[in-house]
Amino acid sequence: MHSIYYGLQTEDNVTLHIEVAWKTIEDHQKLIDNPELYKKLGEALLPCMAGTPDMVHVYFNPSIAPVLNASVTSFCQIALQPGASEEEIKAEREKLVGSPSVHPVSASWGRAVERAEYILAEGWEESLQGATDSEHAQVRDQSSAKEINVAKKAFRVALATYKHYEQEEM
């Protein structure tokens, strides 16, 4: 694995997010397939879990390293609705990233492996570069999901580093 980050979702200060950057999904599967180690991991995490974890694998482009290493990371889940096209998702992403009033220091996105959903991740040096929660919501709502066949869920996490992600040279 490249890195491990964790933190509470800032909107509710209760939901724990753990972001693990694996080299490959197969590396993660090897951990899952190791019953002794996976059991220990589950026992360690169980006390902080109130429900079933939601796990998703995403191949981010460009590298997510700068996003994870920023002071605050925001995530936006964009789900394809029946009849929606990937072109609509790409247009929605451009609206979100290209907002004139709020600019992240870095952004990365990719399609989830497990479901018809895209994840947009943005890194911020401060909590949205000085934007308030309501300003951030307004910026995100300018790109109205009602106009196209997508559903959005956005949240922010101030990630702490357990293992720092060093971007590999290409």
N, C-alpha and C. Protein backbone atom coordinates (compact mmCIF):
# COMPACT_ATOMS: atom_id res chain seq x y z
N MET A 1 0.84 -1.18 0.00
CA MET A 1 0.00 0.00 0.00
C MET A 1 0.88 1.23 0.00
N HIS A 2 0.37 2.29 -0.61
CA HIS A 2 1.09 3.57 -0.65
C HIS A 2 0.93 4.33 0.66
N SER A 3 -0.33 4.43 1.13
CA SER A 3 -0.59 5.33 2.25
C SER A 3 -1.88 4.99 2.97
N ILE A 4 -2.00 5.55 4.18
CA ILE A 4 -3.23 5.43 4.96
C ILE A 4 -3.51 6.80 5.57
N TYR A 5 -4.74 7.28 5.38
CA TYR A 5 -5.20 8.54 5.96
C TYR A 5 -6.52 8.27 6.66
N TYR A 6 -6.82 9.04 7.70
CA TYR A 6 -8.08 8.86 8.41
C TYR A 6 -8.53 10.21 8.96
N GLY A 7 -9.82 10.33 9.19
CA GLY A 7 -10.35 11.56 9.78
C GLY A 7 -11.86 11.51 9.86
N LEU A 8 -12.40 12.44 10.63
CA LEU A 8 -13.85 12.55 10.78
C LEU A 8 -14.42 13.48 9.72
N GLN A 9 -15.58 13.14 9.26
CA GLN A 9 -16.28 13.99 8.30
C GLN A 9 -16.65 15.29 9.01
N THR A 10 -16.28 16.43 8.45
CA THR A 10 -16.47 17.70 9.14
C THR A 10 -17.94 18.09 9.29
N GLU A 11 -18.80 17.63 8.41
CA GLU A 11 -20.22 18.00 8.50
C GLU A 11 -20.91 17.41 9.72
N ASP A 12 -20.51 16.20 10.14
CA ASP A 12 -21.18 15.60 11.30
C ASP A 12 -20.22 15.31 12.46
N ASN A 13 -18.94 15.37 12.23
CA ASN A 13 -17.92 15.13 13.25
C ASN A 13 -18.08 13.76 13.92
N VAL A 14 -18.70 12.82 13.21
CA VAL A 14 -18.93 11.48 13.74
C VAL A 14 -18.49 10.40 12.76
N THR A 15 -18.74 10.61 11.47
CA THR A 15 -18.45 9.60 10.47
C THR A 15 -16.96 9.53 10.20
N LEU A 16 -16.39 8.35 10.44
CA LEU A 16 -14.96 8.12 10.24
C LEU A 16 -14.70 7.71 8.80
N HIS A 17 -13.70 8.33 8.20
CA HIS A 17 -13.27 7.95 6.86
C HIS A 17 -11.84 7.46 6.94
N ILE A 18 -11.59 6.33 6.33
CA ILE A 18 -10.24 5.80 6.21
C ILE A 18 -9.95 5.67 4.73
N GLU A 19 -8.93 6.37 4.28
CA GLU A 19 -8.55 6.35 2.87
C GLU A 19 -7.23 5.60 2.75
N VAL A 20 -7.25 4.48 2.06
CA VAL A 20 -6.05 3.68 1.85
C VAL A 20 -5.73 3.70 0.37
N ALA A 21 -4.54 4.14 0.03
CA ALA A 21 -4.10 4.15 -1.37
C ALA A 21 -3.29 2.87 -1.60
N TRP A 22 -3.91 1.91 -2.24
CA TRP A 22 -3.25 0.65 -2.57
C TRP A 22 -2.53 0.79 -3.90
N LYS A 23 -1.47 0.03 -4.07
CA LYS A 23 -0.81 0.00 -5.39
C LYS A 23 -1.74 -0.63 -6.41
N THR A 24 -2.42 -1.71 -6.00
CA THR A 24 -3.38 -2.39 -6.87
C THR A 24 -4.53 -2.91 -6.02
N ILE A 25 -5.66 -3.15 -6.65
CA ILE A 25 -6.79 -3.77 -5.95
C ILE A 25 -6.40 -5.18 -5.51
N GLU A 26 -5.58 -5.83 -6.29
CA GLU A 26 -5.13 -7.17 -5.94
C GLU A 26 -4.38 -7.18 -4.61
N ASP A 27 -3.61 -6.12 -4.33
CA ASP A 27 -2.93 -6.02 -3.03
C ASP A 27 -3.93 -5.96 -1.89
N HIS A 28 -5.02 -5.23 -2.09
CA HIS A 28 -6.06 -5.17 -1.07
C HIS A 28 -6.73 -6.54 -0.91
N GLN A 29 -6.97 -7.21 -2.02
CA GLN A 29 -7.59 -8.53 -1.96
C GLN A 29 -6.71 -9.51 -1.21
N LYS A 30 -5.39 -9.40 -1.35
CA LYS A 30 -4.47 -10.27 -0.60
C LYS A 30 -4.65 -10.08 0.90
N LEU A 31 -4.85 -8.84 1.34
CA LEU A 31 -5.10 -8.58 2.76
C LEU A 31 -6.41 -9.24 3.19
N ILE A 32 -7.46 -9.06 2.40
CA ILE A 32 -8.76 -9.65 2.71
C ILE A 32 -8.65 -11.17 2.78
N ASP A 33 -7.87 -11.75 1.89
CA ASP A 33 -7.72 -13.21 1.82
C ASP A 33 -6.83 -13.78 2.92
N ASN A 34 -6.19 -12.93 3.72
CA ASN A 34 -5.36 -13.38 4.84
C ASN A 34 -6.24 -13.39 6.10
N PRO A 35 -6.83 -14.55 6.45
CA PRO A 35 -7.83 -14.57 7.52
C PRO A 35 -7.29 -14.09 8.87
N GLU A 36 -6.06 -14.41 9.20
CA GLU A 36 -5.51 -14.01 10.50
C GLU A 36 -5.33 -12.50 10.58
N LEU A 37 -4.71 -11.93 9.57
CA LEU A 37 -4.46 -10.49 9.57
C LEU A 37 -5.75 -9.69 9.42
N TYR A 38 -6.65 -10.15 8.54
CA TYR A 38 -7.90 -9.43 8.32
C TYR A 38 -8.78 -9.46 9.57
N LYS A 39 -8.73 -10.57 10.30
CA LYS A 39 -9.49 -10.67 11.56
C LYS A 39 -8.95 -9.66 12.57
N LYS A 40 -7.63 -9.55 12.69
CA LYS A 40 -7.02 -8.59 13.62
C LYS A 40 -7.42 -7.16 13.24
N LEU A 41 -7.40 -6.86 11.96
CA LEU A 41 -7.77 -5.53 11.49
C LEU A 41 -9.23 -5.25 11.83
N GLY A 42 -10.09 -6.21 11.57
CA GLY A 42 -11.51 -6.04 11.89
C GLY A 42 -11.75 -5.83 13.37
N GLU A 43 -11.05 -6.59 14.21
CA GLU A 43 -11.19 -6.43 15.67
C GLU A 43 -10.71 -5.06 16.13
N ALA A 44 -9.68 -4.53 15.48
CA ALA A 44 -9.17 -3.21 15.85
C ALA A 44 -10.14 -2.10 15.45
N LEU A 45 -10.82 -2.27 14.32
CA LEU A 45 -11.73 -1.23 13.83
C LEU A 45 -13.14 -1.34 14.40
N LEU A 46 -13.54 -2.52 14.84
CA LEU A 46 -14.90 -2.76 15.30
C LEU A 46 -15.38 -1.77 16.36
N PRO A 47 -14.56 -1.41 17.35
CA PRO A 47 -15.05 -0.48 18.39
C PRO A 47 -15.46 0.90 17.85
N CYS A 48 -14.97 1.31 16.72
CA CYS A 48 -15.32 2.64 16.20
C CYS A 48 -16.35 2.57 15.08
N MET A 49 -16.94 1.40 14.85
CA MET A 49 -17.91 1.25 13.76
C MET A 49 -19.32 1.08 14.33
N ALA A 50 -20.25 1.88 13.82
CA ALA A 50 -21.64 1.79 14.25
C ALA A 50 -22.51 1.09 13.21
N GLY A 51 -21.95 0.80 12.07
CA GLY A 51 -22.73 0.17 11.01
C GLY A 51 -21.81 -0.54 10.04
N THR A 52 -22.39 -0.95 8.94
CA THR A 52 -21.62 -1.63 7.91
C THR A 52 -20.75 -0.62 7.17
N PRO A 53 -19.47 -0.90 7.03
CA PRO A 53 -18.61 0.05 6.30
C PRO A 53 -18.97 0.08 4.82
N ASP A 54 -18.79 1.24 4.23
CA ASP A 54 -19.01 1.42 2.79
C ASP A 54 -17.63 1.52 2.15
N MET A 55 -17.26 0.51 1.40
CA MET A 55 -15.94 0.47 0.79
C MET A 55 -16.06 0.59 -0.72
N VAL A 56 -15.21 1.42 -1.29
CA VAL A 56 -15.21 1.60 -2.73
C VAL A 56 -13.77 1.72 -3.21
N HIS A 57 -13.49 1.14 -4.36
CA HIS A 57 -12.17 1.24 -4.99
C HIS A 57 -12.29 2.17 -6.20
N VAL A 58 -11.34 3.10 -6.31
CA VAL A 58 -11.36 4.07 -7.41
C VAL A 58 -9.95 4.20 -7.96
N TYR A 59 -9.83 4.16 -9.27
CA TYR A 59 -8.56 4.49 -9.93
C TYR A 59 -8.61 5.98 -10.23
N PHE A 60 -7.94 6.78 -9.42
CA PHE A 60 -7.97 8.24 -9.57
C PHE A 60 -7.02 8.71 -10.65
N ASN A 61 -7.45 9.77 -11.35
CA ASN A 61 -6.62 10.40 -12.37
C ASN A 61 -6.88 11.90 -12.32
N PRO A 62 -5.86 12.73 -12.18
CA PRO A 62 -4.45 12.38 -11.99
C PRO A 62 -4.22 11.82 -10.59
N SER A 63 -2.97 11.64 -10.21
CA SER A 63 -2.62 11.08 -8.91
C SER A 63 -3.38 11.78 -7.78
N ILE A 64 -3.85 10.98 -6.84
CA ILE A 64 -4.57 11.53 -5.70
C ILE A 64 -3.63 11.98 -4.58
N ALA A 65 -2.33 11.75 -4.71
CA ALA A 65 -1.37 12.09 -3.65
C ALA A 65 -1.49 13.54 -3.19
N PRO A 66 -1.49 14.55 -4.08
CA PRO A 66 -1.59 15.93 -3.60
C PRO A 66 -2.92 16.22 -2.89
N VAL A 67 -3.97 15.55 -3.30
CA VAL A 67 -5.28 15.74 -2.68
C VAL A 67 -5.24 15.22 -1.24
N LEU A 68 -4.73 14.01 -1.05
CA LEU A 68 -4.68 13.42 0.28
C LEU A 68 -3.73 14.15 1.21
N ASN A 69 -2.71 14.78 0.67
CA ASN A 69 -1.72 15.47 1.49
C ASN A 69 -2.11 16.91 1.80
N ALA A 70 -3.24 17.39 1.30
CA ALA A 70 -3.72 18.74 1.60
C ALA A 70 -4.30 18.77 3.02
N SER A 71 -4.50 19.98 3.55
CA SER A 71 -5.03 20.13 4.91
C SER A 71 -6.45 19.58 5.05
N VAL A 72 -7.27 19.81 4.05
CA VAL A 72 -8.65 19.33 4.06
C VAL A 72 -8.93 18.69 2.71
N THR A 73 -9.62 17.56 2.73
CA THR A 73 -9.98 16.86 1.51
C THR A 73 -11.50 16.82 1.42
N SER A 74 -12.04 17.20 0.28
CA SER A 74 -13.48 17.07 0.07
C SER A 74 -13.71 15.99 -0.97
N PHE A 75 -14.78 15.25 -0.78
CA PHE A 75 -15.16 14.18 -1.69
C PHE A 75 -16.57 14.46 -2.18
N CYS A 76 -16.81 14.19 -3.43
CA CYS A 76 -18.15 14.29 -4.00
C CYS A 76 -18.42 13.00 -4.75
N GLN A 77 -19.44 12.27 -4.29
CA GLN A 77 -19.85 11.05 -4.97
C GLN A 77 -20.90 11.44 -6.00
N ILE A 78 -20.68 11.07 -7.23
CA ILE A 78 -21.61 11.39 -8.31
C ILE A 78 -22.09 10.07 -8.90
N ALA A 79 -23.36 9.76 -8.69
CA ALA A 79 -23.90 8.47 -9.11
C ALA A 79 -24.67 8.61 -10.42
N LEU A 80 -24.45 7.66 -11.31
CA LEU A 80 -25.21 7.59 -12.55
C LEU A 80 -26.62 7.10 -12.25
N GLN A 81 -27.61 7.80 -12.76
CA GLN A 81 -28.99 7.37 -12.64
C GLN A 81 -29.35 6.59 -13.90
N PRO A 82 -30.42 5.79 -13.87
CA PRO A 82 -30.82 5.08 -15.08
C PRO A 82 -31.01 6.05 -16.24
N GLY A 83 -30.42 5.74 -17.36
CA GLY A 83 -30.51 6.58 -18.54
C GLY A 83 -29.44 7.65 -18.65
N ALA A 84 -28.63 7.81 -17.62
CA ALA A 84 -27.56 8.82 -17.66
C ALA A 84 -26.37 8.28 -18.44
N SER A 85 -25.61 9.21 -19.00
CA SER A 85 -24.42 8.81 -19.76
C SER A 85 -23.17 9.28 -19.03
N GLU A 86 -22.06 8.66 -19.36
CA GLU A 86 -20.79 9.08 -18.77
C GLU A 86 -20.43 10.49 -19.20
N GLU A 87 -20.89 10.93 -20.36
CA GLU A 87 -20.63 12.30 -20.82
C GLU A 87 -21.27 13.31 -19.87
N GLU A 88 -22.47 12.98 -19.36
CA GLU A 88 -23.13 13.87 -18.40
C GLU A 88 -22.32 13.97 -17.11
N ILE A 89 -21.75 12.85 -16.68
CA ILE A 89 -20.91 12.86 -15.47
C ILE A 89 -19.68 13.71 -15.71
N LYS A 90 -19.06 13.57 -16.86
CA LYS A 90 -17.86 14.36 -17.16
C LYS A 90 -18.18 15.85 -17.20
N ALA A 91 -19.32 16.22 -17.76
CA ALA A 91 -19.73 17.62 -17.78
C ALA A 91 -19.98 18.13 -16.37
N GLU A 92 -20.59 17.31 -15.54
CA GLU A 92 -20.84 17.67 -14.14
C GLU A 92 -19.53 17.88 -13.40
N ARG A 93 -18.58 17.02 -13.64
CA ARG A 93 -17.26 17.15 -12.99
C ARG A 93 -16.60 18.47 -13.38
N GLU A 94 -16.70 18.83 -14.65
CA GLU A 94 -16.09 20.08 -15.11
C GLU A 94 -16.74 21.28 -14.41
N LYS A 95 -18.05 21.23 -14.19
CA LYS A 95 -18.72 22.31 -13.46
C LYS A 95 -18.21 22.38 -12.03
N LEU A 96 -18.07 21.22 -11.39
CA LEU A 96 -17.62 21.20 -10.00
C LEU A 96 -16.20 21.69 -9.85
N VAL A 97 -15.31 21.22 -10.70
CA VAL A 97 -13.90 21.61 -10.62
C VAL A 97 -13.70 23.04 -11.10
N GLY A 98 -14.49 23.46 -12.07
CA GLY A 98 -14.29 24.77 -12.68
C GLY A 98 -15.06 25.90 -12.04
N SER A 99 -15.54 25.73 -10.82
CA SER A 99 -16.29 26.79 -10.15
C SER A 99 -15.45 28.05 -10.03
N PRO A 100 -15.99 29.21 -10.41
CA PRO A 100 -15.20 30.44 -10.38
C PRO A 100 -14.91 30.98 -8.98
N SER A 101 -15.69 30.58 -7.97
CA SER A 101 -15.52 31.19 -6.66
C SER A 101 -14.67 30.39 -5.68
N VAL A 102 -14.48 29.12 -5.93
CA VAL A 102 -13.70 28.29 -5.01
C VAL A 102 -12.76 27.41 -5.82
N HIS A 103 -11.48 27.43 -5.50
CA HIS A 103 -10.50 26.65 -6.25
C HIS A 103 -9.69 25.76 -5.31
N PRO A 104 -9.73 24.46 -5.51
CA PRO A 104 -8.89 23.57 -4.70
C PRO A 104 -7.43 23.69 -5.14
N VAL A 105 -6.52 23.24 -4.27
CA VAL A 105 -5.11 23.22 -4.67
C VAL A 105 -4.82 22.05 -5.60
N SER A 106 -5.65 21.02 -5.52
CA SER A 106 -5.52 19.89 -6.44
C SER A 106 -6.85 19.14 -6.48
N ALA A 107 -7.04 18.40 -7.56
CA ALA A 107 -8.26 17.62 -7.71
C ALA A 107 -7.94 16.36 -8.50
N SER A 108 -8.70 15.32 -8.22
CA SER A 108 -8.53 14.05 -8.90
C SER A 108 -9.90 13.37 -8.93
N TRP A 109 -10.12 12.53 -9.91
CA TRP A 109 -11.39 11.83 -9.94
C TRP A 109 -11.25 10.50 -10.64
N GLY A 110 -12.26 9.64 -10.47
CA GLY A 110 -12.27 8.35 -11.13
C GLY A 110 -13.58 7.63 -10.89
N ARG A 111 -13.79 6.58 -11.67
CA ARG A 111 -15.01 5.78 -11.54
C ARG A 111 -14.80 4.68 -10.51
N ALA A 112 -15.81 4.46 -9.70
CA ALA A 112 -15.77 3.38 -8.72
C ALA A 112 -15.79 2.05 -9.44
N VAL A 113 -15.06 1.10 -8.92
CA VAL A 113 -15.00 -0.23 -9.50
C VAL A 113 -16.30 -0.99 -9.21
N GLU A 114 -16.83 -0.83 -8.00
CA GLU A 114 -17.96 -1.64 -7.54
C GLU A 114 -19.33 -1.17 -8.00
N ARG A 115 -19.47 0.08 -8.40
CA ARG A 115 -20.81 0.59 -8.73
C ARG A 115 -20.72 1.73 -9.74
N ALA A 116 -21.85 2.09 -10.31
CA ALA A 116 -21.91 3.15 -11.32
C ALA A 116 -21.88 4.50 -10.63
N GLU A 117 -20.69 4.87 -10.21
CA GLU A 117 -20.50 6.10 -9.43
C GLU A 117 -19.10 6.64 -9.69
N TYR A 118 -18.99 7.95 -9.69
CA TYR A 118 -17.68 8.59 -9.79
C TYR A 118 -17.39 9.29 -8.48
N ILE A 119 -16.11 9.38 -8.15
CA ILE A 119 -15.68 10.09 -6.95
C ILE A 119 -14.77 11.23 -7.39
N LEU A 120 -15.14 12.44 -7.01
CA LEU A 120 -14.30 13.62 -7.23
C LEU A 120 -13.68 13.95 -5.88
N ALA A 121 -12.36 14.04 -5.83
CA ALA A 121 -11.65 14.39 -4.59
C ALA A 121 -10.89 15.69 -4.82
N GLU A 122 -11.01 16.61 -3.87
CA GLU A 122 -10.33 17.90 -3.97
C GLU A 122 -9.54 18.15 -2.70
N GLY A 123 -8.33 18.67 -2.85
CA GLY A 123 -7.49 19.01 -1.71
C GLY A 123 -7.47 20.51 -1.49
N TRP A 124 -7.55 20.91 -0.23
CA TRP A 124 -7.61 22.33 0.14
C TRP A 124 -6.55 22.60 1.19
N GLU A 125 -5.91 23.76 1.14
CA GLU A 125 -4.92 24.10 2.16
C GLU A 125 -5.57 24.57 3.45
N GLU A 126 -6.73 25.17 3.35
CA GLU A 126 -7.52 25.52 4.52
C GLU A 126 -8.92 25.06 4.21
N SER A 127 -9.80 25.15 5.19
CA SER A 127 -11.16 24.68 4.97
C SER A 127 -11.78 25.46 3.81
N LEU A 128 -11.62 24.93 2.62
CA LEU A 128 -12.14 25.48 1.38
C LEU A 128 -11.65 26.90 1.12
N GLN A 129 -10.36 27.12 1.40
CA GLN A 129 -9.72 28.39 1.10
C GLN A 129 -10.53 29.57 1.62
N GLY A 130 -11.10 29.43 2.81
CA GLY A 130 -11.81 30.54 3.43
C GLY A 130 -13.31 30.54 3.16
N ALA A 131 -13.78 29.66 2.30
CA ALA A 131 -15.22 29.61 2.03
C ALA A 131 -15.94 29.00 3.23
N THR A 132 -17.11 29.50 3.53
CA THR A 132 -17.90 28.94 4.61
C THR A 132 -18.60 27.68 4.10
N ASP A 133 -19.16 26.91 5.03
CA ASP A 133 -19.90 25.72 4.63
C ASP A 133 -21.02 26.07 3.66
N SER A 134 -21.75 27.15 3.95
CA SER A 134 -22.87 27.51 3.07
C SER A 134 -22.38 27.96 1.70
N GLU A 135 -21.23 28.67 1.65
CA GLU A 135 -20.69 29.08 0.36
C GLU A 135 -20.26 27.86 -0.45
N HIS A 136 -19.65 26.89 0.22
CA HIS A 136 -19.25 25.67 -0.48
C HIS A 136 -20.47 24.96 -1.03
N ALA A 137 -21.53 24.86 -0.23
CA ALA A 137 -22.75 24.21 -0.69
C ALA A 137 -23.36 24.95 -1.87
N GLN A 138 -23.34 26.29 -1.82
CA GLN A 138 -23.88 27.07 -2.93
C GLN A 138 -23.10 26.83 -4.21
N VAL A 139 -21.78 26.79 -4.10
CA VAL A 139 -20.95 26.54 -5.28
C VAL A 139 -21.29 25.18 -5.86
N ARG A 140 -21.39 24.18 -5.02
CA ARG A 140 -21.69 22.84 -5.49
C ARG A 140 -23.10 22.76 -6.07
N ASP A 141 -24.04 23.52 -5.49
CA ASP A 141 -25.41 23.48 -5.98
C ASP A 141 -25.60 24.27 -7.27
N GLN A 142 -24.64 25.15 -7.63
CA GLN A 142 -24.73 25.87 -8.90
C GLN A 142 -24.77 24.87 -10.05
N SER A 143 -24.11 23.75 -9.84
CA SER A 143 -24.10 22.70 -10.83
C SER A 143 -25.23 21.76 -10.45
N SER A 144 -26.43 22.05 -10.94
CA SER A 144 -27.63 21.39 -10.46
C SER A 144 -27.79 19.98 -10.98
N ALA A 145 -27.84 19.03 -10.05
CA ALA A 145 -28.02 17.63 -10.42
C ALA A 145 -29.42 17.39 -10.97
N LYS A 146 -30.35 18.29 -10.71
CA LYS A 146 -31.72 18.12 -11.20
C LYS A 146 -31.78 18.25 -12.72
N GLU A 147 -30.80 18.95 -13.29
CA GLU A 147 -30.81 19.16 -14.74
C GLU A 147 -30.32 17.94 -15.51
N ILE A 148 -29.59 17.07 -14.85
CA ILE A 148 -29.07 15.89 -15.51
C ILE A 148 -29.35 14.66 -14.66
N ASN A 149 -29.05 13.52 -15.19
CA ASN A 149 -29.39 12.27 -14.52
C ASN A 149 -28.30 11.79 -13.57
N VAL A 150 -27.97 12.61 -12.58
CA VAL A 150 -26.98 12.21 -11.59
C VAL A 150 -27.48 12.55 -10.20
N ALA A 151 -26.93 11.88 -9.21
CA ALA A 151 -27.18 12.21 -7.81
C ALA A 151 -25.83 12.49 -7.19
N LYS A 152 -25.78 13.51 -6.32
CA LYS A 152 -24.51 13.89 -5.71
C LYS A 152 -24.59 13.82 -4.20
N LYS A 153 -23.47 13.47 -3.60
CA LYS A 153 -23.32 13.52 -2.14
C LYS A 153 -21.92 14.05 -1.89
N ALA A 154 -21.81 15.18 -1.21
CA ALA A 154 -20.50 15.78 -0.95
C ALA A 154 -20.23 15.81 0.54
N PHE A 155 -18.96 15.63 0.90
CA PHE A 155 -18.56 15.73 2.31
C PHE A 155 -17.08 16.06 2.37
N ARG A 156 -16.64 16.57 3.53
CA ARG A 156 -15.24 16.95 3.71
C ARG A 156 -14.65 16.22 4.91
N VAL A 157 -13.33 15.97 4.82
CA VAL A 157 -12.61 15.28 5.89
C VAL A 157 -11.27 15.97 6.09
N ALA A 158 -10.95 16.30 7.33
CA ALA A 158 -9.60 16.78 7.66
C ALA A 158 -8.79 15.53 7.96
N LEU A 159 -8.06 15.05 6.98
CA LEU A 159 -7.36 13.77 7.09
C LEU A 159 -6.09 13.89 7.91
N ALA A 160 -5.89 12.94 8.80
CA ALA A 160 -4.62 12.80 9.51
C ALA A 160 -3.84 11.71 8.79
N THR A 161 -2.54 11.80 8.84
CA THR A 161 -1.70 10.86 8.11
C THR A 161 -1.21 9.75 9.02
N TYR A 162 -1.47 8.52 8.62
CA TYR A 162 -0.86 7.38 9.29
C TYR A 162 0.39 6.97 8.52
N LYS A 163 0.26 6.92 7.21
CA LYS A 163 1.39 6.65 6.33
C LYS A 163 1.26 7.58 5.14
N HIS A 164 2.24 8.46 4.95
CA HIS A 164 2.23 9.51 3.93
C HIS A 164 2.34 8.93 2.52
N TYR A 165 1.59 9.51 1.60
CA TYR A 165 1.60 9.08 0.20
C TYR A 165 2.63 9.89 -0.55
N GLU A 166 3.66 9.22 -1.03
CA GLU A 166 4.66 9.85 -1.89
C GLU A 166 4.32 9.49 -3.32
N GLN A 167 4.08 10.50 -4.12
CA GLN A 167 3.73 10.27 -5.51
C GLN A 167 4.92 9.66 -6.24
N GLU A 168 4.66 8.58 -6.96
CA GLU A 168 5.72 7.93 -7.73
C GLU A 168 5.98 8.71 -9.00
N GLU A 169 7.24 8.76 -9.39
CA GLU A 169 7.61 9.44 -10.63
C GLU A 169 7.18 8.58 -11.81
N MET A 170 6.70 9.23 -12.84
CA MET A 170 6.27 8.52 -14.05
C MET A 170 7.42 8.39 -15.01
